[in-house]
């Protein structure tokens, strides 16, 4: 049996695709650094070091969009893209987890 097919990505400009990719990379790194999720200090350090360059790439993607005249983020389209790329789950890993049931 084949796994369910993911919905297709919405049509994005190249710059919007770059924005989504860089944003999710930063989110993934922040999740690795999240002290509430445990892990090693070395892993967190490596993620923090990578965060510097990935943040610059995210900035560059937004700069390029602005320079090309893409002055507004089409949040509905970008939200659909984030959902297809598992952005909700990935972003939850950045947050403080809920307390255990008492």
PDB file of N, CA and C in Angstrom:
ATOM      1  N   UNK A   1       0.844  -1.174   0.000  1.00  0.00           N
ATOM      2  CA  UNK A   1       0.000   0.000   0.000  1.00  0.00           C
ATOM      3  C   UNK A   1       0.891   1.239   0.000  1.00  0.00           C
ATOM      4  N   UNK A   2       0.568   2.182  -0.845  1.00  0.00           N
ATOM      5  CA  UNK A   2       1.339   3.413  -0.950  1.00  0.00           C
ATOM      6  C   UNK A   2       0.892   4.415   0.110  1.00  0.00           C
ATOM      7  N   UNK A   3       1.825   5.249   0.601  1.00  0.00           N
ATOM      8  CA  UNK A   3       1.424   6.288   1.557  1.00  0.00           C
ATOM      9  C   UNK A   3       0.528   7.309   0.860  1.00  0.00           C
ATOM     10  N   UNK A   4      -0.288   8.022   1.627  1.00  0.00           N
ATOM     11  CA  UNK A   4      -1.165   9.017   0.997  1.00  0.00           C
ATOM     12  C   UNK A   4      -0.339  10.084   0.293  1.00  0.00           C
ATOM     13  N   UNK A   5      -0.843  10.530  -0.823  1.00  0.00           N
ATOM     14  CA  UNK A   5      -0.141  11.538  -1.604  1.00  0.00           C
ATOM     15  C   UNK A   5      -0.329  12.912  -0.971  1.00  0.00           C
ATOM     16  N   UNK A   6       0.765  13.645  -0.854  1.00  0.00           N
ATOM     17  CA  UNK A   6       0.696  14.994  -0.293  1.00  0.00           C
ATOM     18  C   UNK A   6       0.031  15.926  -1.290  1.00  0.00           C
ATOM     19  N   UNK A   7      -0.668  16.947  -0.782  1.00  0.00           N
ATOM     20  CA  UNK A   7      -1.221  17.922  -1.717  1.00  0.00           C
ATOM     21  C   UNK A   7      -0.083  18.656  -2.411  1.00  0.00           C
ATOM     22  N   UNK A   8      -0.330  19.138  -3.606  1.00  0.00           N
ATOM     23  CA  UNK A   8       0.743  19.841  -4.310  1.00  0.00           C
ATOM     24  C   UNK A   8       1.040  21.188  -3.653  1.00  0.00           C
ATOM     25  N   UNK A   9       2.271  21.614  -3.809  1.00  0.00           N
ATOM     26  CA  UNK A   9       2.639  22.953  -3.340  1.00  0.00           C
ATOM     27  C   UNK A   9       1.889  23.982  -4.174  1.00  0.00           C
ATOM     28  N   UNK A  10       1.454  25.073  -3.561  1.00  0.00           N
ATOM     29  CA  UNK A  10       0.847  26.130  -4.365  1.00  0.00           C
ATOM     30  C   UNK A  10       1.903  26.778  -5.255  1.00  0.00           C
ATOM     31  N   UNK A  11       1.443  27.461  -6.279  1.00  0.00           N
ATOM     32  CA  UNK A  11       2.368  28.164  -7.170  1.00  0.00           C
ATOM     33  C   UNK A  11       3.044  29.284  -6.401  1.00  0.00           C
ATOM     34  N   UNK A  12       4.362  29.265  -6.381  1.00  0.00           N
ATOM     35  CA  UNK A  12       5.142  30.281  -5.675  1.00  0.00           C
ATOM     36  C   UNK A  12       6.125  30.895  -6.655  1.00  0.00           C
ATOM     37  N   UNK A  13       6.459  32.155  -6.424  1.00  0.00           N
ATOM     38  CA  UNK A  13       7.563  32.729  -7.177  1.00  0.00           C
ATOM     39  C   UNK A  13       8.836  32.067  -6.672  1.00  0.00           C
ATOM     40  N   UNK A  14       9.889  32.192  -7.426  1.00  0.00           N
ATOM     41  CA  UNK A  14      11.177  31.619  -6.992  1.00  0.00           C
ATOM     42  C   UNK A  14      11.590  32.226  -5.644  1.00  0.00           C
ATOM     43  N   UNK A  15      11.382  33.536  -5.491  1.00  0.00           N
ATOM     44  CA  UNK A  15      11.749  34.211  -4.243  1.00  0.00           C
ATOM     45  C   UNK A  15      10.884  33.721  -3.080  1.00  0.00           C
ATOM     46  N   UNK A  16       9.589  33.482  -3.309  1.00  0.00           N
ATOM     47  CA  UNK A  16       8.729  32.964  -2.245  1.00  0.00           C
ATOM     48  C   UNK A  16       9.167  31.555  -1.843  1.00  0.00           C
ATOM     49  N   UNK A  17       9.524  30.746  -2.821  1.00  0.00           N
ATOM     50  CA  UNK A  17      10.025  29.412  -2.510  1.00  0.00           C
ATOM     51  C   UNK A  17      11.292  29.466  -1.682  1.00  0.00           C
ATOM     52  N   UNK A  18      12.165  30.392  -2.046  1.00  0.00           N
ATOM     53  CA  UNK A  18      13.412  30.575  -1.281  1.00  0.00           C
ATOM     54  C   UNK A  18      13.099  31.032   0.142  1.00  0.00           C
ATOM     55  N   UNK A  19      12.154  31.935   0.290  1.00  0.00           N
ATOM     56  CA  UNK A  19      11.743  32.422   1.618  1.00  0.00           C
ATOM     57  C   UNK A  19      11.246  31.258   2.476  1.00  0.00           C
ATOM     58  N   UNK A  20      10.352  30.445   1.920  1.00  0.00           N
ATOM     59  CA  UNK A  20       9.801  29.316   2.674  1.00  0.00           C
ATOM     60  C   UNK A  20      10.910  28.341   3.070  1.00  0.00           C
ATOM     61  N   UNK A  21      11.778  28.018   2.129  1.00  0.00           N
ATOM     62  CA  UNK A  21      12.873  27.084   2.430  1.00  0.00           C
ATOM     63  C   UNK A  21      13.787  27.614   3.520  1.00  0.00           C
ATOM     64  N   UNK A  22      14.195  28.863   3.423  1.00  0.00           N
ATOM     65  CA  UNK A  22      15.104  29.445   4.423  1.00  0.00           C
ATOM     66  C   UNK A  22      14.403  29.559   5.779  1.00  0.00           C
ATOM     67  N   UNK A  23      13.122  29.956   5.776  1.00  0.00           N
ATOM     68  CA  UNK A  23      12.367  30.074   7.029  1.00  0.00           C
ATOM     69  C   UNK A  23      12.319  28.730   7.748  1.00  0.00           C
ATOM     70  N   UNK A  24      12.007  27.660   7.022  1.00  0.00           N
ATOM     71  CA  UNK A  24      11.914  26.349   7.652  1.00  0.00           C
ATOM     72  C   UNK A  24      13.274  25.859   8.140  1.00  0.00           C
ATOM     73  N   UNK A  25      14.334  26.211   7.447  1.00  0.00           N
ATOM     74  CA  UNK A  25      15.668  25.855   7.935  1.00  0.00           C
ATOM     75  C   UNK A  25      15.956  26.533   9.272  1.00  0.00           C
ATOM     76  N   UNK A  26      15.582  27.805   9.391  1.00  0.00           N
ATOM     77  CA  UNK A  26      15.780  28.530  10.649  1.00  0.00           C
ATOM     78  C   UNK A  26      14.922  27.921  11.750  1.00  0.00           C
ATOM     79  N   UNK A  27      13.671  27.585  11.435  1.00  0.00           N
ATOM     80  CA  UNK A  27      12.784  26.963  12.421  1.00  0.00           C
ATOM     81  C   UNK A  27      13.379  25.639  12.908  1.00  0.00           C
ATOM     82  N   UNK A  28      13.880  24.829  11.976  1.00  0.00           N
ATOM     83  CA  UNK A  28      14.473  23.545  12.368  1.00  0.00           C
ATOM     84  C   UNK A  28      15.680  23.733  13.288  1.00  0.00           C
ATOM     85  N   UNK A  29      16.488  24.742  13.002  1.00  0.00           N
ATOM     86  CA  UNK A  29      17.647  25.004  13.858  1.00  0.00           C
ATOM     87  C   UNK A  29      17.220  25.495  15.235  1.00  0.00           C
ATOM     88  N   UNK A  30      16.225  26.372  15.281  1.00  0.00           N
ATOM     89  CA  UNK A  30      15.725  26.845  16.576  1.00  0.00           C
ATOM     90  C   UNK A  30      15.162  25.686  17.395  1.00  0.00           C
ATOM     91  N   UNK A  31      14.519  24.745  16.734  1.00  0.00           N
ATOM     92  CA  UNK A  31      13.996  23.576  17.442  1.00  0.00           C
ATOM     93  C   UNK A  31      15.128  22.753  18.052  1.00  0.00           C
ATOM     94  N   UNK A  32      16.239  22.662  17.342  1.00  0.00           N
ATOM     95  CA  UNK A  32      17.388  21.912  17.875  1.00  0.00           C
ATOM     96  C   UNK A  32      18.027  22.612  19.062  1.00  0.00           C
ATOM     97  N   UNK A  33      17.885  23.934  19.139  1.00  0.00           N
ATOM     98  CA  UNK A  33      18.475  24.723  20.223  1.00  0.00           C
ATOM     99  C   UNK A  33      17.545  24.775  21.436  1.00  0.00           C
ATOM    100  N   UNK A  34      16.260  24.542  21.244  1.00  0.00           N
ATOM    101  CA  UNK A  34      15.255  24.698  22.288  1.00  0.00           C
ATOM    102  C   UNK A  34      15.643  23.928  23.551  1.00  0.00           C
ATOM    103  N   UNK A  35      15.961  24.640  24.643  1.00  0.00           N
ATOM    104  CA  UNK A  35      16.394  23.952  25.865  1.00  0.00           C
ATOM    105  C   UNK A  35      15.275  23.149  26.523  1.00  0.00           C
ATOM    106  N   UNK A  36      14.026  23.468  26.221  1.00  0.00           N
ATOM    107  CA  UNK A  36      12.911  22.727  26.808  1.00  0.00           C
ATOM    108  C   UNK A  36      12.758  21.346  26.176  1.00  0.00           C
ATOM    109  N   UNK A  37      13.422  21.105  25.091  1.00  0.00           N
ATOM    110  CA  UNK A  37      13.318  19.821  24.398  1.00  0.00           C
ATOM    111  C   UNK A  37      14.490  18.895  24.703  1.00  0.00           C
ATOM    112  N   UNK A  38      15.431  19.355  25.503  1.00  0.00           N
ATOM    113  CA  UNK A  38      16.563  18.500  25.845  1.00  0.00           C
ATOM    114  C   UNK A  38      17.582  18.448  24.725  1.00  0.00           C
ATOM    115  N   UNK A  39      18.435  17.487  24.787  1.00  0.00           N
ATOM    116  CA  UNK A  39      19.484  17.351  23.785  1.00  0.00           C
ATOM    117  C   UNK A  39      20.822  17.714  24.382  1.00  0.00           C
ATOM    118  N   UNK A  40      21.835  17.689  23.547  1.00  0.00           N
ATOM    119  CA  UNK A  40      23.181  17.963  24.035  1.00  0.00           C
ATOM    120  C   UNK A  40      23.551  19.431  23.812  1.00  0.00           C
ATOM    121  N   UNK A  41      24.463  19.906  24.632  1.00  0.00           N
ATOM    122  CA  UNK A  41      24.937  21.281  24.441  1.00  0.00           C
ATOM    123  C   UNK A  41      25.705  21.394  23.132  1.00  0.00           C
ATOM    124  N   UNK A  42      26.413  20.330  22.755  1.00  0.00           N
ATOM    125  CA  UNK A  42      27.171  20.369  21.514  1.00  0.00           C
ATOM    126  C   UNK A  42      26.235  20.479  20.306  1.00  0.00           C
ATOM    127  N   UNK A  43      25.159  19.720  20.318  1.00  0.00           N
ATOM    128  CA  UNK A  43      24.179  19.797  19.237  1.00  0.00           C
ATOM    129  C   UNK A  43      23.536  21.175  19.166  1.00  0.00           C
ATOM    130  N   UNK A  44      23.230  21.734  20.339  1.00  0.00           N
ATOM    131  CA  UNK A  44      22.671  23.086  20.376  1.00  0.00           C
ATOM    132  C   UNK A  44      23.665  24.120  19.881  1.00  0.00           C
ATOM    133  N   UNK A  45      24.931  23.947  20.252  1.00  0.00           N
ATOM    134  CA  UNK A  45      25.972  24.863  19.798  1.00  0.00           C
ATOM    135  C   UNK A  45      26.114  24.813  18.286  1.00  0.00           C
ATOM    136  N   UNK A  46      26.139  23.607  17.731  1.00  0.00           N
ATOM    137  CA  UNK A  46      26.256  23.461  16.271  1.00  0.00           C
ATOM    138  C   UNK A  46      25.055  24.099  15.559  1.00  0.00           C
ATOM    139  N   UNK A  47      23.862  23.918  16.118  1.00  0.00           N
ATOM    140  CA  UNK A  47      22.672  24.520  15.523  1.00  0.00           C
ATOM    141  C   UNK A  47      22.737  26.044  15.618  1.00  0.00           C
ATOM    142  N   UNK A  48      23.212  26.557  16.750  1.00  0.00           N
ATOM    143  CA  UNK A  48      23.323  28.012  16.922  1.00  0.00           C
ATOM    144  C   UNK A  48      24.346  28.594  15.943  1.00  0.00           C
ATOM    145  N   UNK A  49      25.422  27.883  15.727  1.00  0.00           N
ATOM    146  CA  UNK A  49      26.422  28.352  14.760  1.00  0.00           C
ATOM    147  C   UNK A  49      25.835  28.379  13.345  1.00  0.00           C
ATOM    148  N   UNK A  50      25.088  27.359  12.989  1.00  0.00           N
ATOM    149  CA  UNK A  50      24.464  27.309  11.658  1.00  0.00           C
ATOM    150  C   UNK A  50      23.365  28.350  11.524  1.00  0.00           C
ATOM    151  N   UNK A  51      22.730  28.695  12.639  1.00  0.00           N
ATOM    152  CA  UNK A  51      21.644  29.675  12.617  1.00  0.00           C
ATOM    153  C   UNK A  51      22.114  31.026  12.095  1.00  0.00           C
ATOM    154  N   UNK A  52      23.341  31.381  12.362  1.00  0.00           N
ATOM    155  CA  UNK A  52      23.876  32.667  11.905  1.00  0.00           C
ATOM    156  C   UNK A  52      23.813  32.751  10.383  1.00  0.00           C
ATOM    157  N   UNK A  53      24.331  31.752   9.704  1.00  0.00           N
ATOM    158  CA  UNK A  53      24.339  31.803   8.234  1.00  0.00           C
ATOM    159  C   UNK A  53      22.943  31.606   7.656  1.00  0.00           C
ATOM    160  N   UNK A  54      22.138  30.744   8.262  1.00  0.00           N
ATOM    161  CA  UNK A  54      20.776  30.524   7.752  1.00  0.00           C
ATOM    162  C   UNK A  54      19.914  31.759   7.940  1.00  0.00           C
ATOM    163  N   UNK A  55      20.121  32.488   9.036  1.00  0.00           N
ATOM    164  CA  UNK A  55      19.384  33.744   9.246  1.00  0.00           C
ATOM    165  C   UNK A  55      19.763  34.768   8.180  1.00  0.00           C
ATOM    166  N   UNK A  56      21.040  34.811   7.832  1.00  0.00           N
ATOM    167  CA  UNK A  56      21.489  35.722   6.774  1.00  0.00           C
ATOM    168  C   UNK A  56      20.858  35.332   5.436  1.00  0.00           C
ATOM    169  N   UNK A  57      20.741  34.031   5.164  1.00  0.00           N
ATOM    170  CA  UNK A  57      20.101  33.580   3.935  1.00  0.00           C
ATOM    171  C   UNK A  57      18.621  33.935   3.923  1.00  0.00           C
ATOM    172  N   UNK A  58      17.958  33.842   5.069  1.00  0.00           N
ATOM    173  CA  UNK A  58      16.556  34.256   5.177  1.00  0.00           C
ATOM    174  C   UNK A  58      16.427  35.750   4.915  1.00  0.00           C
ATOM    175  N   UNK A  59      17.311  36.528   5.520  1.00  0.00           N
ATOM    176  CA  UNK A  59      17.327  37.976   5.270  1.00  0.00           C
ATOM    177  C   UNK A  59      17.524  38.267   3.786  1.00  0.00           C
ATOM    178  N   UNK A  60      18.446  37.561   3.157  1.00  0.00           N
ATOM    179  CA  UNK A  60      18.722  37.778   1.739  1.00  0.00           C
ATOM    180  C   UNK A  60      17.512  37.440   0.872  1.00  0.00           C
ATOM    181  N   UNK A  61      16.783  36.389   1.231  1.00  0.00           N
ATOM    182  CA  UNK A  61      15.581  36.023   0.473  1.00  0.00           C
ATOM    183  C   UNK A  61      14.535  37.128   0.563  1.00  0.00           C
ATOM    184  N   UNK A  62      14.362  37.678   1.753  1.00  0.00           N
ATOM    185  CA  UNK A  62      13.400  38.775   1.925  1.00  0.00           C
ATOM    186  C   UNK A  62      13.873  40.042   1.220  1.00  0.00           C
ATOM    187  N   UNK A  63      15.163  40.305   1.257  1.00  0.00           N
ATOM    188  CA  UNK A  63      15.723  41.467   0.560  1.00  0.00           C
ATOM    189  C   UNK A  63      15.482  41.356  -0.935  1.00  0.00           C
ATOM    190  N   UNK A  64      15.726  40.173  -1.479  1.00  0.00           N
ATOM    191  CA  UNK A  64      15.515  39.961  -2.910  1.00  0.00           C
ATOM    192  C   UNK A  64      14.047  40.167  -3.285  1.00  0.00           C
ATOM    193  N   UNK A  65      13.147  39.654  -2.474  1.00  0.00           N
ATOM    194  CA  UNK A  65      11.725  39.856  -2.745  1.00  0.00           C
ATOM    195  C   UNK A  65      11.399  41.344  -2.771  1.00  0.00           C
ATOM    196  N   UNK A  66      11.892  42.067  -1.795  1.00  0.00           N
ATOM    197  CA  UNK A  66      11.624  43.507  -1.716  1.00  0.00           C
ATOM    198  C   UNK A  66      12.206  44.239  -2.928  1.00  0.00           C
ATOM    199  N   UNK A  67      13.425  43.894  -3.305  1.00  0.00           N
ATOM    200  CA  UNK A  67      14.062  44.543  -4.456  1.00  0.00           C
ATOM    201  C   UNK A  67      13.325  44.254  -5.759  1.00  0.00           C
ATOM    202  N   UNK A  68      12.702  43.094  -5.857  1.00  0.00           N
ATOM    203  CA  UNK A  68      11.955  42.732  -7.062  1.00  0.00           C
ATOM    204  C   UNK A  68      10.542  43.327  -7.075  1.00  0.00           C
ATOM    205  N   UNK A  69      10.208  44.056  -6.038  1.00  0.00           N
ATOM    206  CA  UNK A  69       8.884  44.654  -5.976  1.00  0.00           C
ATOM    207  C   UNK A  69       7.840  43.765  -5.332  1.00  0.00           C
ATOM    208  N   UNK A  70       8.259  42.631  -4.792  1.00  0.00           N
ATOM    209  CA  UNK A  70       7.335  41.756  -4.060  1.00  0.00           C
ATOM    210  C   UNK A  70       7.253  42.290  -2.633  1.00  0.00           C
ATOM    211  N   UNK A  71       6.451  43.336  -2.455  1.00  0.00           N
ATOM    212  CA  UNK A  71       6.432  44.058  -1.188  1.00  0.00           C
ATOM    213  C   UNK A  71       5.438  43.504  -0.177  1.00  0.00           C
ATOM    214  N   UNK A  72       4.602  42.574  -0.592  1.00  0.00           N
ATOM    215  CA  UNK A  72       3.635  41.982   0.331  1.00  0.00           C
ATOM    216  C   UNK A  72       3.808  40.476   0.339  1.00  0.00           C
ATOM    217  N   UNK A  73       3.673  39.897   1.517  1.00  0.00           N
ATOM    218  CA  UNK A  73       3.688  38.446   1.644  1.00  0.00           C
ATOM    219  C   UNK A  73       2.250  37.952   1.478  1.00  0.00           C
ATOM    220  N   UNK A  74       2.031  37.075   0.545  1.00  0.00           N
ATOM    221  CA  UNK A  74       0.698  36.513   0.312  1.00  0.00           C
ATOM    222  C   UNK A  74       0.511  35.364   1.303  1.00  0.00           C
ATOM    223  N   UNK A  75       0.046  35.737   2.495  1.00  0.00           N
ATOM    224  CA  UNK A  75       0.060  34.806   3.623  1.00  0.00           C
ATOM    225  C   UNK A  75      -0.783  33.565   3.382  1.00  0.00           C
ATOM    226  N   UNK A  76      -1.877  33.655   2.655  1.00  0.00           N
ATOM    227  CA  UNK A  76      -2.689  32.456   2.437  1.00  0.00           C
ATOM    228  C   UNK A  76      -1.925  31.422   1.606  1.00  0.00           C
ATOM    229  N   UNK A  77      -1.278  31.876   0.554  1.00  0.00           N
ATOM    230  CA  UNK A  77      -0.492  30.978  -0.299  1.00  0.00           C
ATOM    231  C   UNK A  77       0.707  30.430   0.462  1.00  0.00           C
ATOM    232  N   UNK A  78       1.395  31.304   1.191  1.00  0.00           N
ATOM    233  CA  UNK A  78       2.579  30.869   1.945  1.00  0.00           C
ATOM    234  C   UNK A  78       2.188  29.925   3.077  1.00  0.00           C
ATOM    235  N   UNK A  79       1.037  30.145   3.679  1.00  0.00           N
ATOM    236  CA  UNK A  79       0.554  29.245   4.727  1.00  0.00           C
ATOM    237  C   UNK A  79       0.286  27.861   4.156  1.00  0.00           C
ATOM    238  N   UNK A  80      -0.328  27.796   2.981  1.00  0.00           N
ATOM    239  CA  UNK A  80      -0.572  26.498   2.339  1.00  0.00           C
ATOM    240  C   UNK A  80       0.752  25.782   2.074  1.00  0.00           C
ATOM    241  N   UNK A  81       1.738  26.531   1.589  1.00  0.00           N
ATOM    242  CA  UNK A  81       3.043  25.932   1.323  1.00  0.00           C
ATOM    243  C   UNK A  81       3.672  25.407   2.612  1.00  0.00           C
ATOM    244  N   UNK A  82       3.586  26.178   3.684  1.00  0.00           N
ATOM    245  CA  UNK A  82       4.145  25.734   4.963  1.00  0.00           C
ATOM    246  C   UNK A  82       3.453  24.469   5.452  1.00  0.00           C
ATOM    247  N   UNK A  83       2.144  24.391   5.263  1.00  0.00           N
ATOM    248  CA  UNK A  83       1.419  23.189   5.708  1.00  0.00           C
ATOM    249  C   UNK A  83       1.842  21.967   4.911  1.00  0.00           C
ATOM    250  N   UNK A  84       1.993  22.106   3.594  1.00  0.00           N
ATOM    251  CA  UNK A  84       2.425  20.979   2.762  1.00  0.00           C
ATOM    252  C   UNK A  84       3.814  20.512   3.195  1.00  0.00           C
ATOM    253  N   UNK A  85       4.663  21.439   3.602  1.00  0.00           N
ATOM    254  CA  UNK A  85       6.039  21.122   3.996  1.00  0.00           C
ATOM    255  C   UNK A  85       6.181  20.819   5.486  1.00  0.00           C
ATOM    256  N   UNK A  86       5.058  20.526   6.154  1.00  0.00           N
ATOM    257  CA  UNK A  86       5.057  20.119   7.563  1.00  0.00           C
ATOM    258  C   UNK A  86       5.494  21.242   8.497  1.00  0.00           C
ATOM    259  N   UNK A  87       5.238  22.479   8.093  1.00  0.00           N
ATOM    260  CA  UNK A  87       5.655  23.633   8.876  1.00  0.00           C
ATOM    261  C   UNK A  87       5.019  23.723  10.246  1.00  0.00           C
ATOM    262  N   UNK A  88       3.764  23.276  10.374  1.00  0.00           N
ATOM    263  CA  UNK A  88       3.106  23.353  11.684  1.00  0.00           C
ATOM    264  C   UNK A  88       3.811  22.481  12.717  1.00  0.00           C
ATOM    265  N   UNK A  89       4.110  21.246  12.342  1.00  0.00           N
ATOM    266  CA  UNK A  89       4.803  20.353  13.278  1.00  0.00           C
ATOM    267  C   UNK A  89       6.189  20.886  13.591  1.00  0.00           C
ATOM    268  N   UNK A  90       6.885  21.340  12.565  1.00  0.00           N
ATOM    269  CA  UNK A  90       8.249  21.832  12.751  1.00  0.00           C
ATOM    270  C   UNK A  90       8.266  23.057  13.645  1.00  0.00           C
ATOM    271  N   UNK A  91       7.307  23.952  13.492  1.00  0.00           N
ATOM    272  CA  UNK A  91       7.254  25.158  14.324  1.00  0.00           C
ATOM    273  C   UNK A  91       6.885  24.827  15.769  1.00  0.00           C
ATOM    274  N   UNK A  92       6.075  23.789  15.978  1.00  0.00           N
ATOM    275  CA  UNK A  92       5.714  23.396  17.349  1.00  0.00           C
ATOM    276  C   UNK A  92       6.942  22.978  18.145  1.00  0.00           C
ATOM    277  N   UNK A  93       7.973  22.487  17.469  1.00  0.00           N
ATOM    278  CA  UNK A  93       9.183  22.055  18.168  1.00  0.00           C
ATOM    279  C   UNK A  93       9.984  23.230  18.722  1.00  0.00           C
ATOM    280  N   UNK A  94       9.675  24.439  18.273  1.00  0.00           N
ATOM    281  CA  UNK A  94      10.345  25.639  18.773  1.00  0.00           C
ATOM    282  C   UNK A  94       9.713  26.079  20.087  1.00  0.00           C
ATOM    283  N   UNK A  95       8.428  25.808  20.255  1.00  0.00           N
ATOM    284  CA  UNK A  95       7.686  26.264  21.431  1.00  0.00           C
ATOM    285  C   UNK A  95       8.020  25.414  22.658  1.00  0.00           C
ATOM    286  N   UNK A  96       7.693  25.938  23.822  1.00  0.00           N
ATOM    287  CA  UNK A  96       7.821  25.193  25.065  1.00  0.00           C
ATOM    288  C   UNK A  96       6.726  24.136  25.070  1.00  0.00           C
ATOM    289  N   UNK A  97       7.063  22.866  25.304  1.00  0.00           N
ATOM    290  CA  UNK A  97       6.047  21.832  25.285  1.00  0.00           C
ATOM    291  C   UNK A  97       5.036  22.025  26.418  1.00  0.00           C
ATOM    292  N   UNK A  98       3.823  21.529  26.238  1.00  0.00           N
ATOM    293  CA  UNK A  98       2.817  21.660  27.296  1.00  0.00           C
ATOM    294  C   UNK A  98       3.247  20.865  28.529  1.00  0.00           C
ATOM    295  N   UNK A  99       2.761  21.272  29.693  1.00  0.00           N
ATOM    296  CA  UNK A  99       3.122  20.529  30.909  1.00  0.00           C
ATOM    297  C   UNK A  99       2.530  19.118  30.867  1.00  0.00           C
ATOM    298  N   UNK A 100       3.194  18.182  31.531  1.00  0.00           N
ATOM    299  CA  UNK A 100       2.636  16.810  31.566  1.00  0.00           C
ATOM    300  C   UNK A 100       1.330  16.805  32.340  1.00  0.00           C
ATOM    301  N   UNK A 101       0.440  15.877  31.998  1.00  0.00           N
ATOM    302  CA  UNK A 101      -0.827  15.802  32.746  1.00  0.00           C
ATOM    303  C   UNK A 101      -0.563  15.481  34.208  1.00  0.00           C
ATOM    304  N   UNK A 102      -1.353  16.086  35.057  1.00  0.00           N
ATOM    305  CA  UNK A 102      -1.131  15.848  36.503  1.00  0.00           C
ATOM    306  C   UNK A 102      -1.975  14.745  37.048  1.00  0.00           C
TER     307      UNK A 102
END
